[in-house]
Protein backbone atom coordinates (compact mmCIF):
# COMPACT_ATOMS: atom_id res chain seq x y z
CA MET A 1 16.34 12.68 14.58
CA GLN A 2 14.45 9.89 16.27
CA GLU A 3 14.45 6.59 14.38
CA LYS A 4 10.93 5.42 13.55
CA ASN A 5 9.99 1.76 13.77
CA ILE A 6 9.40 -0.21 10.60
CA ASN A 7 5.70 -0.96 10.25
CA LYS A 8 5.45 -4.46 8.81
CA ASP A 9 1.76 -4.03 7.99
CA PHE A 10 2.59 -0.97 5.88
CA LEU A 11 5.33 -2.87 4.05
CA ASN A 12 2.98 -5.83 3.50
CA LEU A 13 0.37 -3.50 2.02
CA LEU A 14 2.98 -2.03 -0.33
CA LEU A 15 4.08 -5.55 -1.30
CA MET A 16 0.49 -6.54 -2.11
CA LEU A 17 -0.04 -3.45 -4.26
CA SER A 18 3.34 -3.91 -5.93
CA SER A 19 2.69 -7.57 -6.66
CA ALA A 20 -0.61 -6.65 -8.28
CA ALA A 21 1.13 -3.97 -10.34
CA TRP A 22 3.85 -6.42 -11.48
CA GLN A 23 1.17 -8.93 -12.47
CA HIS A 24 -0.73 -6.28 -14.43
CA LEU A 25 2.51 -5.26 -16.13
CA GLY A 26 2.83 -8.86 -17.28
CA LYS A 27 6.12 -9.26 -15.38
CA MET A 28 4.87 -12.04 -13.11
CA PRO A 29 2.14 -14.64 -13.52
CA ASN A 30 -1.28 -14.45 -11.95
CA ALA A 31 -1.12 -16.37 -8.66
CA VAL A 32 -4.51 -18.00 -9.27
CA ASN A 33 -4.15 -19.36 -12.80
CA GLY A 34 -0.39 -19.09 -13.45
CA LYS A 35 -0.96 -17.05 -16.64
CA THR A 36 0.75 -13.79 -17.55
CA GLU A 37 -2.05 -11.33 -18.27
CA PRO A 38 -0.87 -7.76 -18.94
CA ASN A 39 -3.36 -4.99 -18.19
CA LEU A 40 -1.64 -1.60 -18.35
CA GLU A 41 -4.71 0.29 -17.15
CA MET A 42 -4.80 -1.72 -13.92
CA ALA A 43 -1.01 -1.49 -13.58
CA ARG A 44 -1.27 2.30 -13.80
CA ALA A 45 -3.99 2.28 -11.13
CA MET A 46 -1.82 0.27 -8.73
CA ILE A 47 1.19 2.51 -9.39
CA ASP A 48 -0.94 5.61 -8.80
CA ILE A 49 -2.13 4.21 -5.45
CA ILE A 50 1.48 3.56 -4.39
CA ALA A 51 2.42 7.10 -5.48
CA MET A 52 -0.48 8.44 -3.40
CA PHE A 53 0.83 6.54 -0.36
CA LYS A 54 4.26 8.11 -0.95
CA GLU A 55 2.71 11.57 -1.00
CA LYS A 56 0.41 11.03 1.99
CA THR A 57 3.09 9.47 4.20
CA LEU A 58 5.79 12.06 3.45
CA GLY A 59 7.80 12.72 6.59
CA ASN A 60 6.05 9.94 8.53
CA LEU A 61 8.14 6.91 7.50
CA SER A 62 11.32 5.38 8.80
CA ASP A 63 14.35 5.66 6.52
CA GLU A 64 13.95 2.00 5.54
CA GLU A 65 10.23 2.39 4.75
CA GLU A 66 10.93 5.52 2.70
CA GLN A 67 13.71 3.81 0.76
CA PHE A 68 11.56 0.73 0.09
CA LEU A 69 8.63 2.85 -1.09
CA THR A 70 10.77 5.14 -3.27
CA THR A 71 12.75 2.32 -4.90
CA ASN A 72 9.70 0.15 -5.47
CA LEU A 73 7.71 3.01 -6.99
CA ALA A 74 10.57 4.02 -9.29
CA ASP A 75 11.02 0.42 -10.51
CA LEU A 76 7.31 0.11 -11.25
CA GLN A 77 7.17 3.48 -13.04
CA LEU A 78 10.17 2.61 -15.24
CA ASN A 79 8.72 -0.78 -16.14
CA TYR A 80 5.33 0.78 -16.85
CA ALA A 81 6.93 3.32 -19.19
CA ASP A 82 8.83 0.51 -20.93
CA GLU A 83 5.62 -1.50 -21.45
CA VAL A 84 3.75 1.53 -22.76
CA ASN A 85 6.59 2.23 -25.22
CA LYS A 86 6.47 -1.39 -26.41
CA LYS A 87 2.73 -1.04 -27.11
CA MET A 88 3.31 2.16 -29.11
CA ASN A 89 5.97 0.64 -31.37
């Protein structure tokens, strides 16, 4: 198996989407105003976009890119589920 190069632009895009998702989950403050502003609908949208990237890039990523994407997506999905459960209780 030939090792694929790590695409830094791809990782940066994932980091931007992930940061937005974490902000919308209320887990990190808004970079502009410093406030924590949860918005689960927007968090879900960001997570869905990352999941779409995972599906569309299947078999086309280096091992490191795949691991980063998979781990990041799983962390976001677990935190999203936790926040949704908090809202329901």
